[in-house]
Amino acid sequence: MISALTIPEIDVRNPEIDVRNLCVLVTAGASGIGRTIAESFVAAGAKVHVTDVVESTLAATIDAVPGLTGTIGDASRAEDVDRVVVDVSARFGGLDLLVNNAGIAGPTGRVDELTAADVDRTIDVNLKSQFYFLERFVPFLKDSKRNPSIIGMSSVAGRVGYGFRTPYSATKWAIVGLVKSLAIELGPLGVRANAILPGGVQGPRMDRVIAARAEAMGLSFEEMRNEFLRKISLRRMVEAKDVANLALFLASDLARNISGQIISVDGNTETA
């Protein structure tokens, strides 16, 4: 006999995104989308711990965001992730939300021109890191009484083909399958799992992606940027805050019955 899980009650007359005192871990949370997510949760009253591979970036972010703590390390190295477990255990004693955000752009080029090292590194950082953190922190989430969940950061490249960026796209598609499978596996234990698929996020990283793709295709930066925008129905790139807002909603009790979902924040990117 299957018994129904107890889910949090909310006042449907006054819905609000409430993540106060939620214990949150954001991988690669000292820059880019990860930092914006971390800052947004802190501002909303959550307790947040981040990881990052660049010590100076991590230190600067912790200094800039009161209450934020962090662990230095490479998300693709199991021994570094073990240090995160120690630090999170010491600070929180548990965990309510894991944001598996660590990722790199990977190489740009034709598939027959890519090096094995570049492909391996992209898979290690973008995909294997998610398994390392899941292995260690799912037990924490199963013990949580705060509507626990996992957010896997995929990409618009995880729902459309992405020529010249095959390692990146392959890992982002894999995250979609991972999250849908986690939702099935962990749902009976009360743990939700969803994926966020950002489109082109305005900022230095996206500029580097455009520049590399422009070079690979023999176009100028502006031509390549305009090509990106032409494929977006809203004709604009998204901002990191747009992604953070969705993460806040998915972590809240308002999303208590949302699991196994693949949600794009991309202005309706029609094709890569």
C-alpha atoms as a PDB file:
ATOM      1  CA  MET A   1       0.000   0.000   0.000  1.00  0.00           C
ATOM      2  CA  ILE A   2       1.350   3.414  -0.938  1.00  0.00           C
ATOM      3  CA  SER A   3       0.810   6.134   1.645  1.00  0.00           C
ATOM      4  CA  ALA A   4       0.462   9.775   0.657  1.00  0.00           C
ATOM      5  CA  LEU A   5       3.346  12.083   1.506  1.00  0.00           C
ATOM      6  CA  THR A   6       2.664  15.101   3.662  1.00  0.00           C
ATOM      7  CA  ILE A   7       3.227  18.301   1.711  1.00  0.00           C
ATOM      8  CA  PRO A   8       3.416  21.800   3.158  1.00  0.00           C
ATOM      9  CA  GLU A   9       0.224  23.776   3.505  1.00  0.00           C
ATOM     10  CA  ILE A  10       0.164  27.254   1.960  1.00  0.00           C
ATOM     11  CA  ASP A  11      -2.310  30.087   2.112  1.00  0.00           C
ATOM     12  CA  VAL A  12      -3.597  30.181  -1.452  1.00  0.00           C
ATOM     13  CA  ARG A  13      -5.241  33.541  -0.782  1.00  0.00           C
ATOM     14  CA  ASN A  14      -1.885  35.202  -0.155  1.00  0.00           C
ATOM     15  CA  PRO A  15       0.689  33.324  -2.198  1.00  0.00           C
ATOM     16  CA  GLU A  16       4.289  34.407  -1.782  1.00  0.00           C
ATOM     17  CA  ILE A  17       7.711  33.070  -2.495  1.00  0.00           C
ATOM     18  CA  ASP A  18       9.015  32.314   0.965  1.00  0.00           C
ATOM     19  CA  VAL A  19      12.461  30.723   1.236  1.00  0.00           C
ATOM     20  CA  ARG A  20      13.377  32.188   4.623  1.00  0.00           C
ATOM     21  CA  ASN A  21      15.886  30.033   6.524  1.00  0.00           C
ATOM     22  CA  LEU A  22      16.029  27.516   3.678  1.00  0.00           C
ATOM     23  CA  CYS A  23      19.478  25.869   3.617  1.00  0.00           C
ATOM     24  CA  VAL A  24      20.810  26.199   0.072  1.00  0.00           C
ATOM     25  CA  LEU A  25      23.937  24.995  -1.730  1.00  0.00           C
ATOM     26  CA  VAL A  26      24.808  26.574  -5.087  1.00  0.00           C
ATOM     27  CA  THR A  27      27.707  25.052  -6.997  1.00  0.00           C
ATOM     28  CA  ALA A  28      29.840  27.537  -8.947  1.00  0.00           C
ATOM     29  CA  GLY A  29      28.019  30.237  -7.019  1.00  0.00           C
ATOM     30  CA  ALA A  30      30.657  32.961  -6.959  1.00  0.00           C
ATOM     31  CA  SER A  31      30.135  34.348 -10.452  1.00  0.00           C
ATOM     32  CA  GLY A  32      27.635  34.529 -13.306  1.00  0.00           C
ATOM     33  CA  ILE A  33      24.229  32.923 -12.917  1.00  0.00           C
ATOM     34  CA  GLY A  34      25.354  31.063  -9.809  1.00  0.00           C
ATOM     35  CA  ARG A  35      26.255  34.249  -7.972  1.00  0.00           C
ATOM     36  CA  THR A  36      22.981  35.922  -8.908  1.00  0.00           C
ATOM     37  CA  ILE A  37      21.061  32.889  -7.643  1.00  0.00           C
ATOM     38  CA  ALA A  38      23.061  32.904  -4.402  1.00  0.00           C
ATOM     39  CA  GLU A  39      22.548  36.640  -3.897  1.00  0.00           C
ATOM     40  CA  SER A  40      18.824  36.343  -4.577  1.00  0.00           C
ATOM     41  CA  PHE A  41      18.353  33.582  -2.026  1.00  0.00           C
ATOM     42  CA  VAL A  42      20.356  35.472   0.597  1.00  0.00           C
ATOM     43  CA  ALA A  43      18.269  38.595  -0.041  1.00  0.00           C
ATOM     44  CA  ALA A  44      15.127  36.494   0.416  1.00  0.00           C
ATOM     45  CA  GLY A  45      16.299  35.252   3.816  1.00  0.00           C
ATOM     46  CA  ALA A  46      17.784  31.862   2.939  1.00  0.00           C
ATOM     47  CA  LYS A  47      21.028  30.467   4.319  1.00  0.00           C
ATOM     48  CA  VAL A  48      23.374  29.978   1.384  1.00  0.00           C
ATOM     49  CA  HIS A  49      26.685  28.202   0.828  1.00  0.00           C
ATOM     50  CA  VAL A  50      28.487  28.300  -2.523  1.00  0.00           C
ATOM     51  CA  THR A  51      31.426  26.619  -4.190  1.00  0.00           C
ATOM     52  CA  ASP A  52      33.848  27.985  -6.736  1.00  0.00           C
ATOM     53  CA  VAL A  53      37.093  26.959  -8.387  1.00  0.00           C
ATOM     54  CA  VAL A  54      38.695  30.437  -8.332  1.00  0.00           C
ATOM     55  CA  GLU A  55      39.781  31.416  -4.842  1.00  0.00           C
ATOM     56  CA  SER A  56      39.924  35.170  -5.460  1.00  0.00           C
ATOM     57  CA  THR A  57      36.448  35.182  -7.017  1.00  0.00           C
ATOM     58  CA  LEU A  58      35.029  33.186  -4.121  1.00  0.00           C
ATOM     59  CA  ALA A  59      36.630  35.476  -1.546  1.00  0.00           C
ATOM     60  CA  ALA A  60      35.343  38.609  -3.280  1.00  0.00           C
ATOM     61  CA  THR A  61      31.800  37.228  -3.450  1.00  0.00           C
ATOM     62  CA  ILE A  62      31.754  36.211   0.212  1.00  0.00           C
ATOM     63  CA  ASP A  63      32.999  39.693   1.154  1.00  0.00           C
ATOM     64  CA  ALA A  64      30.304  41.317  -0.971  1.00  0.00           C
ATOM     65  CA  VAL A  65      27.346  39.209   0.224  1.00  0.00           C
ATOM     66  CA  PRO A  66      26.841  39.299   4.006  1.00  0.00           C
ATOM     67  CA  GLY A  67      26.058  35.895   5.457  1.00  0.00           C
ATOM     68  CA  LEU A  68      27.257  33.938   2.445  1.00  0.00           C
ATOM     69  CA  THR A  69      29.785  31.167   3.038  1.00  0.00           C
ATOM     70  CA  GLY A  70      31.769  29.106   0.567  1.00  0.00           C
ATOM     71  CA  THR A  71      34.182  26.298  -0.193  1.00  0.00           C
ATOM     72  CA  ILE A  72      36.988  26.515  -2.720  1.00  0.00           C
ATOM     73  CA  GLY A  73      37.304  23.588  -5.078  1.00  0.00           C
ATOM     74  CA  ASP A  74      36.778  22.023  -8.486  1.00  0.00           C
ATOM     75  CA  ALA A  75      33.257  20.573  -8.772  1.00  0.00           C
ATOM     76  CA  SER A  76      34.568  17.845 -11.070  1.00  0.00           C
ATOM     77  CA  ARG A  77      36.946  16.478  -8.409  1.00  0.00           C
ATOM     78  CA  ALA A  78      35.358  14.096  -5.911  1.00  0.00           C
ATOM     79  CA  GLU A  79      37.838  14.980  -3.177  1.00  0.00           C
ATOM     80  CA  ASP A  80      36.967  18.664  -3.505  1.00  0.00           C
ATOM     81  CA  VAL A  81      33.269  17.877  -3.242  1.00  0.00           C
ATOM     82  CA  ASP A  82      34.003  15.944  -0.045  1.00  0.00           C
ATOM     83  CA  ARG A  83      35.265  19.207   1.484  1.00  0.00           C
ATOM     84  CA  VAL A  84      31.951  20.838   0.620  1.00  0.00           C
ATOM     85  CA  VAL A  85      30.135  18.130   2.574  1.00  0.00           C
ATOM     86  CA  VAL A  86      32.226  18.897   5.641  1.00  0.00           C
ATOM     87  CA  ASP A  87      31.589  22.633   5.378  1.00  0.00           C
ATOM     88  CA  VAL A  88      27.843  22.343   4.691  1.00  0.00           C
ATOM     89  CA  SER A  89      27.439  19.864   7.546  1.00  0.00           C
ATOM     90  CA  ALA A  90      29.251  22.215   9.900  1.00  0.00           C
ATOM     91  CA  ARG A  91      27.195  25.255   8.916  1.00  0.00           C
ATOM     92  CA  PHE A  92      23.734  23.811   8.300  1.00  0.00           C
ATOM     93  CA  GLY A  93      23.675  20.278   9.642  1.00  0.00           C
ATOM     94  CA  GLY A  94      21.533  19.439   6.608  1.00  0.00           C
ATOM     95  CA  LEU A  95      20.318  20.785   3.271  1.00  0.00           C
ATOM     96  CA  ASP A  96      16.978  21.796   1.717  1.00  0.00           C
ATOM     97  CA  LEU A  97      17.983  22.825  -1.817  1.00  0.00           C
ATOM     98  CA  LEU A  98      20.824  21.769  -4.097  1.00  0.00           C
ATOM     99  CA  VAL A  99      21.408  23.978  -7.126  1.00  0.00           C
ATOM    100  CA  ASN A 100      23.688  21.970  -9.424  1.00  0.00           C
ATOM    101  CA  ASN A 101      24.973  24.932 -11.414  1.00  0.00           C
ATOM    102  CA  ALA A 102      28.652  24.226 -12.154  1.00  0.00           C
ATOM    103  CA  GLY A 103      29.450  24.223 -15.841  1.00  0.00           C
ATOM    104  CA  ILE A 104      31.784  25.428 -18.563  1.00  0.00           C
ATOM    105  CA  ALA A 105      31.210  26.460 -22.169  1.00  0.00           C
ATOM    106  CA  GLY A 106      33.503  23.764 -23.544  1.00  0.00           C
ATOM    107  CA  PRO A 107      35.240  23.938 -26.916  1.00  0.00           C
ATOM    108  CA  THR A 108      33.863  25.544 -30.063  1.00  0.00           C
ATOM    109  CA  GLY A 109      34.568  23.806 -33.345  1.00  0.00           C
ATOM    110  CA  ARG A 110      33.628  20.990 -35.672  1.00  0.00           C
ATOM    111  CA  VAL A 111      33.235  17.652 -33.956  1.00  0.00           C
ATOM    112  CA  ASP A 112      36.115  16.084 -35.894  1.00  0.00           C
ATOM    113  CA  GLU A 113      38.451  18.869 -34.775  1.00  0.00           C
ATOM    114  CA  LEU A 114      37.843  18.677 -31.022  1.00  0.00           C
ATOM    115  CA  THR A 115      40.476  17.288 -28.676  1.00  0.00           C
ATOM    116  CA  ALA A 116      39.729  14.424 -26.322  1.00  0.00           C
ATOM    117  CA  ALA A 117      40.934  16.571 -23.418  1.00  0.00           C
ATOM    118  CA  ASP A 118      38.428  19.313 -24.194  1.00  0.00           C
ATOM    119  CA  VAL A 119      35.563  16.839 -24.502  1.00  0.00           C
ATOM    120  CA  ASP A 120      36.514  15.050 -21.284  1.00  0.00           C
ATOM    121  CA  ARG A 121      36.789  18.317 -19.352  1.00  0.00           C
ATOM    122  CA  THR A 122      33.354  19.458 -20.508  1.00  0.00           C
ATOM    123  CA  ILE A 123      31.762  16.173 -19.464  1.00  0.00           C
ATOM    124  CA  ASP A 124      33.594  16.176 -16.126  1.00  0.00           C
ATOM    125  CA  VAL A 125      32.543  19.689 -15.140  1.00  0.00           C
ATOM    126  CA  ASN A 126      29.063  19.849 -16.649  1.00  0.00           C
ATOM    127  CA  LEU A 127      27.817  16.340 -15.920  1.00  0.00           C
ATOM    128  CA  LYS A 128      30.010  14.281 -13.609  1.00  0.00           C
ATOM    129  CA  SER A 129      30.048  17.113 -11.074  1.00  0.00           C
ATOM    130  CA  GLN A 130      26.268  16.833 -10.786  1.00  0.00           C
ATOM    131  CA  PHE A 131      26.573  13.159  -9.871  1.00  0.00           C
ATOM    132  CA  TYR A 132      29.265  13.915  -7.278  1.00  0.00           C
ATOM    133  CA  PHE A 133      27.045  16.427  -5.509  1.00  0.00           C
ATOM    134  CA  LEU A 134      23.930  14.252  -5.827  1.00  0.00           C
ATOM    135  CA  GLU A 135      25.693  11.244  -4.337  1.00  0.00           C
ATOM    136  CA  ARG A 136      26.750  13.240  -1.299  1.00  0.00           C
ATOM    137  CA  PHE A 137      23.786  15.553  -0.741  1.00  0.00           C
ATOM    138  CA  VAL A 138      20.688  13.532  -1.650  1.00  0.00           C
ATOM    139  CA  PRO A 139      20.853  11.887   1.820  1.00  0.00           C
ATOM    140  CA  PHE A 140      20.672  15.403   3.322  1.00  0.00           C
ATOM    141  CA  LEU A 141      17.696  16.276   1.143  1.00  0.00           C
ATOM    142  CA  LYS A 142      15.837  13.089   2.081  1.00  0.00           C
ATOM    143  CA  ASP A 143      16.063  14.152   5.732  1.00  0.00           C
ATOM    144  CA  SER A 144      14.792  17.689   5.060  1.00  0.00           C
ATOM    145  CA  LYS A 145      11.323  18.731   6.211  1.00  0.00           C
ATOM    146  CA  ARG A 146      11.358  21.932   4.093  1.00  0.00           C
ATOM    147  CA  ASN A 147       9.962  20.800   0.741  1.00  0.00           C
ATOM    148  CA  PRO A 148      13.442  19.678  -0.441  1.00  0.00           C
ATOM    149  CA  SER A 149      14.426  19.916  -4.065  1.00  0.00           C
ATOM    150  CA  ILE A 150      17.155  19.802  -6.667  1.00  0.00           C
ATOM    151  CA  ILE A 151      17.617  22.287  -9.480  1.00  0.00           C
ATOM    152  CA  GLY A 152      19.809  21.074 -12.327  1.00  0.00           C
ATOM    153  CA  MET A 153      21.136  23.873 -14.513  1.00  0.00           C
ATOM    154  CA  SER A 154      20.833  22.838 -18.145  1.00  0.00           C
ATOM    155  CA  SER A 155      20.613  25.215 -21.113  1.00  0.00           C
ATOM    156  CA  VAL A 156      18.569  25.991 -24.180  1.00  0.00           C
ATOM    157  CA  ALA A 157      21.257  23.800 -25.763  1.00  0.00           C
ATOM    158  CA  GLY A 158      19.636  20.981 -23.791  1.00  0.00           C
ATOM    159  CA  ARG A 159      16.474  21.091 -25.904  1.00  0.00           C
ATOM    160  CA  VAL A 160      17.746  22.050 -29.390  1.00  0.00           C
ATOM    161  CA  GLY A 161      20.740  21.018 -31.464  1.00  0.00           C
ATOM    162  CA  TYR A 162      23.787  23.249 -31.146  1.00  0.00           C
ATOM    163  CA  GLY A 163      26.292  22.928 -33.963  1.00  0.00           C
ATOM    164  CA  PHE A 164      29.963  23.662 -33.192  1.00  0.00           C
ATOM    165  CA  ARG A 165      29.227  23.203 -29.453  1.00  0.00           C
ATOM    166  CA  THR A 166      28.540  19.465 -29.390  1.00  0.00           C
ATOM    167  CA  PRO A 167      30.216  18.573 -26.043  1.00  0.00           C
ATOM    168  CA  TYR A 168      28.362  21.374 -24.278  1.00  0.00           C
ATOM    169  CA  SER A 169      25.027  20.508 -25.856  1.00  0.00           C
ATOM    170  CA  ALA A 170      25.444  16.802 -25.139  1.00  0.00           C
ATOM    171  CA  THR A 171      26.013  17.436 -21.431  1.00  0.00           C
ATOM    172  CA  LYS A 172      23.059  19.812 -21.215  1.00  0.00           C
ATOM    173  CA  TRP A 173      20.754  17.255 -22.847  1.00  0.00           C
ATOM    174  CA  ALA A 174      22.081  14.702 -20.361  1.00  0.00           C
ATOM    175  CA  ILE A 175      21.092  16.946 -17.443  1.00  0.00           C
ATOM    176  CA  VAL A 176      17.516  16.975 -18.721  1.00  0.00           C
ATOM    177  CA  GLY A 177      17.427  13.178 -18.641  1.00  0.00           C
ATOM    178  CA  LEU A 178      19.116  13.158 -15.254  1.00  0.00           C
ATOM    179  CA  VAL A 179      16.563  15.514 -13.699  1.00  0.00           C
ATOM    180  CA  LYS A 180      13.562  13.665 -15.128  1.00  0.00           C
ATOM    181  CA  SER A 181      14.978  10.412 -13.773  1.00  0.00           C
ATOM    182  CA  LEU A 182      15.691  11.969 -10.360  1.00  0.00           C
ATOM    183  CA  ALA A 183      12.093  13.155 -10.135  1.00  0.00           C
ATOM    184  CA  ILE A 184      10.901   9.561 -10.586  1.00  0.00           C
ATOM    185  CA  GLU A 185      13.492   8.086  -8.247  1.00  0.00           C
ATOM    186  CA  LEU A 186      13.256  10.621  -5.431  1.00  0.00           C
ATOM    187  CA  GLY A 187       9.596  11.653  -5.657  1.00  0.00           C
ATOM    188  CA  PRO A 188       8.374   8.869  -3.370  1.00  0.00           C
ATOM    189  CA  LEU A 189      10.896  10.150  -0.811  1.00  0.00           C
ATOM    190  CA  GLY A 190       9.491  13.683  -0.973  1.00  0.00           C
ATOM    191  CA  VAL A 191      12.365  15.224  -2.947  1.00  0.00           C
ATOM    192  CA  ARG A 192      11.553  17.217  -6.089  1.00  0.00           C
ATOM    193  CA  ALA A 193      13.857  17.736  -9.080  1.00  0.00           C
ATOM    194  CA  ASN A 194      13.560  20.270 -11.902  1.00  0.00           C
ATOM    195  CA  ALA A 195      15.813  21.677 -14.601  1.00  0.00           C
ATOM    196  CA  ILE A 196      16.233  25.291 -15.639  1.00  0.00           C
ATOM    197  CA  LEU A 197      17.286  25.935 -19.230  1.00  0.00           C
ATOM    198  CA  PRO A 198      18.644  29.473 -19.611  1.00  0.00           C
ATOM    199  CA  GLY A 199      18.997  30.934 -23.058  1.00  0.00           C
ATOM    200  CA  GLY A 200      21.660  33.468 -23.950  1.00  0.00           C
ATOM    201  CA  VAL A 201      22.394  35.313 -20.699  1.00  0.00           C
ATOM    202  CA  GLN A 202      23.678  38.844 -21.164  1.00  0.00           C
ATOM    203  CA  GLY A 203      27.224  39.173 -19.868  1.00  0.00           C
ATOM    204  CA  PRO A 204      30.936  38.493 -20.422  1.00  0.00           C
ATOM    205  CA  ARG A 205      30.557  34.717 -20.706  1.00  0.00           C
ATOM    206  CA  MET A 206      27.979  35.045 -23.479  1.00  0.00           C
ATOM    207  CA  ASP A 207      30.223  37.550 -25.250  1.00  0.00           C
ATOM    208  CA  ARG A 208      33.014  34.965 -25.221  1.00  0.00           C
ATOM    209  CA  VAL A 209      30.666  32.315 -26.619  1.00  0.00           C
ATOM    210  CA  ILE A 210      29.555  34.638 -29.418  1.00  0.00           C
ATOM    211  CA  ALA A 211      33.146  35.586 -30.211  1.00  0.00           C
ATOM    212  CA  ALA A 212      34.257  31.941 -30.413  1.00  0.00           C
ATOM    213  CA  ARG A 213      31.308  30.956 -32.596  1.00  0.00           C
ATOM    214  CA  ALA A 214      31.873  33.993 -34.841  1.00  0.00           C
ATOM    215  CA  GLU A 215      35.464  32.918 -35.375  1.00  0.00           C
ATOM    216  CA  ALA A 216      34.438  29.331 -36.129  1.00  0.00           C
ATOM    217  CA  MET A 217      31.898  30.504 -38.703  1.00  0.00           C
ATOM    218  CA  GLY A 218      33.959  33.313 -40.228  1.00  0.00           C
ATOM    219  CA  LEU A 219      31.635  36.119 -39.055  1.00  0.00           C
ATOM    220  CA  SER A 220      32.177  39.346 -37.157  1.00  0.00           C
ATOM    221  CA  PHE A 221      31.133  39.581 -33.506  1.00  0.00           C
ATOM    222  CA  GLU A 222      28.198  41.874 -34.340  1.00  0.00           C
ATOM    223  CA  GLU A 223      27.018  39.627 -37.161  1.00  0.00           C
ATOM    224  CA  MET A 224      27.102  36.636 -34.839  1.00  0.00           C
ATOM    225  CA  ARG A 225      25.319  38.503 -32.051  1.00  0.00           C
ATOM    226  CA  ASN A 226      22.582  39.593 -34.422  1.00  0.00           C
ATOM    227  CA  GLU A 227      22.256  35.989 -35.586  1.00  0.00           C
ATOM    228  CA  PHE A 228      21.729  34.901 -31.976  1.00  0.00           C
ATOM    229  CA  LEU A 229      19.065  37.564 -31.415  1.00  0.00           C
ATOM    230  CA  ARG A 230      17.269  36.711 -34.658  1.00  0.00           C
ATOM    231  CA  LYS A 231      16.570  33.238 -33.307  1.00  0.00           C
ATOM    232  CA  ILE A 232      14.954  34.570 -30.106  1.00  0.00           C
ATOM    233  CA  SER A 233      11.272  35.445 -30.422  1.00  0.00           C
ATOM    234  CA  LEU A 234      11.567  38.335 -27.946  1.00  0.00           C
ATOM    235  CA  ARG A 235      14.710  39.539 -29.746  1.00  0.00           C
ATOM    236  CA  ARG A 236      16.606  40.013 -26.503  1.00  0.00           C
ATOM    237  CA  MET A 237      18.872  38.001 -24.258  1.00  0.00           C
ATOM    238  CA  VAL A 238      17.841  37.150 -20.749  1.00  0.00           C
ATOM    239  CA  GLU A 239      19.471  38.396 -17.566  1.00  0.00           C
ATOM    240  CA  ALA A 240      20.831  36.254 -14.752  1.00  0.00           C
ATOM    241  CA  LYS A 241      18.140  37.654 -12.461  1.00  0.00           C
ATOM    242  CA  ASP A 242      15.471  36.086 -14.674  1.00  0.00           C
ATOM    243  CA  VAL A 243      17.001  32.686 -13.983  1.00  0.00           C
ATOM    244  CA  ALA A 244      17.346  33.407 -10.251  1.00  0.00           C
ATOM    245  CA  ASN A 245      13.675  34.395 -10.025  1.00  0.00           C
ATOM    246  CA  LEU A 246      12.651  31.012 -11.414  1.00  0.00           C
ATOM    247  CA  ALA A 247      14.983  29.239  -8.992  1.00  0.00           C
ATOM    248  CA  LEU A 248      13.357  31.102  -6.068  1.00  0.00           C
ATOM    249  CA  PHE A 249       9.909  30.028  -7.220  1.00  0.00           C
ATOM    250  CA  LEU A 250      10.912  26.383  -7.742  1.00  0.00           C
ATOM    251  CA  ALA A 251      12.449  26.243  -4.257  1.00  0.00           C
ATOM    252  CA  SER A 252       9.356  27.692  -2.580  1.00  0.00           C
ATOM    253  CA  ASP A 253       6.210  25.999  -1.347  1.00  0.00           C
ATOM    254  CA  LEU A 254       4.341  27.561  -4.269  1.00  0.00           C
ATOM    255  CA  ALA A 255       6.078  24.914  -6.409  1.00  0.00           C
ATOM    256  CA  ARG A 256       5.467  22.053  -3.981  1.00  0.00           C
ATOM    257  CA  ASN A 257       3.900  19.874  -6.697  1.00  0.00           C
ATOM    258  CA  ILE A 258       6.248  20.836  -9.512  1.00  0.00           C
ATOM    259  CA  SER A 259       8.796  18.108 -10.199  1.00  0.00           C
ATOM    260  CA  GLY A 260      10.370  16.514 -13.245  1.00  0.00           C
ATOM    261  CA  GLN A 261       9.874  19.705 -15.234  1.00  0.00           C
ATOM    262  CA  ILE A 262      12.209  21.212 -17.816  1.00  0.00           C
ATOM    263  CA  ILE A 263      11.670  24.973 -17.820  1.00  0.00           C
ATOM    264  CA  SER A 264      13.291  27.357 -20.280  1.00  0.00           C
ATOM    265  CA  VAL A 265      14.118  30.984 -19.518  1.00  0.00           C
ATOM    266  CA  ASP A 266      15.159  32.048 -23.000  1.00  0.00           C
ATOM    267  CA  GLY A 267      12.725  34.512 -24.590  1.00  0.00           C
ATOM    268  CA  ASN A 268      11.542  31.539 -26.666  1.00  0.00           C
ATOM    269  CA  THR A 269      14.737  30.649 -28.462  1.00  0.00           C
ATOM    270  CA  GLU A 270      13.497  29.019 -31.638  1.00  0.00           C
ATOM    271  CA  THR A 271      16.726  27.302 -32.673  1.00  0.00           C
ATOM    272  CA  ALA A 272      20.381  27.382 -31.670  1.00  0.00           C
END
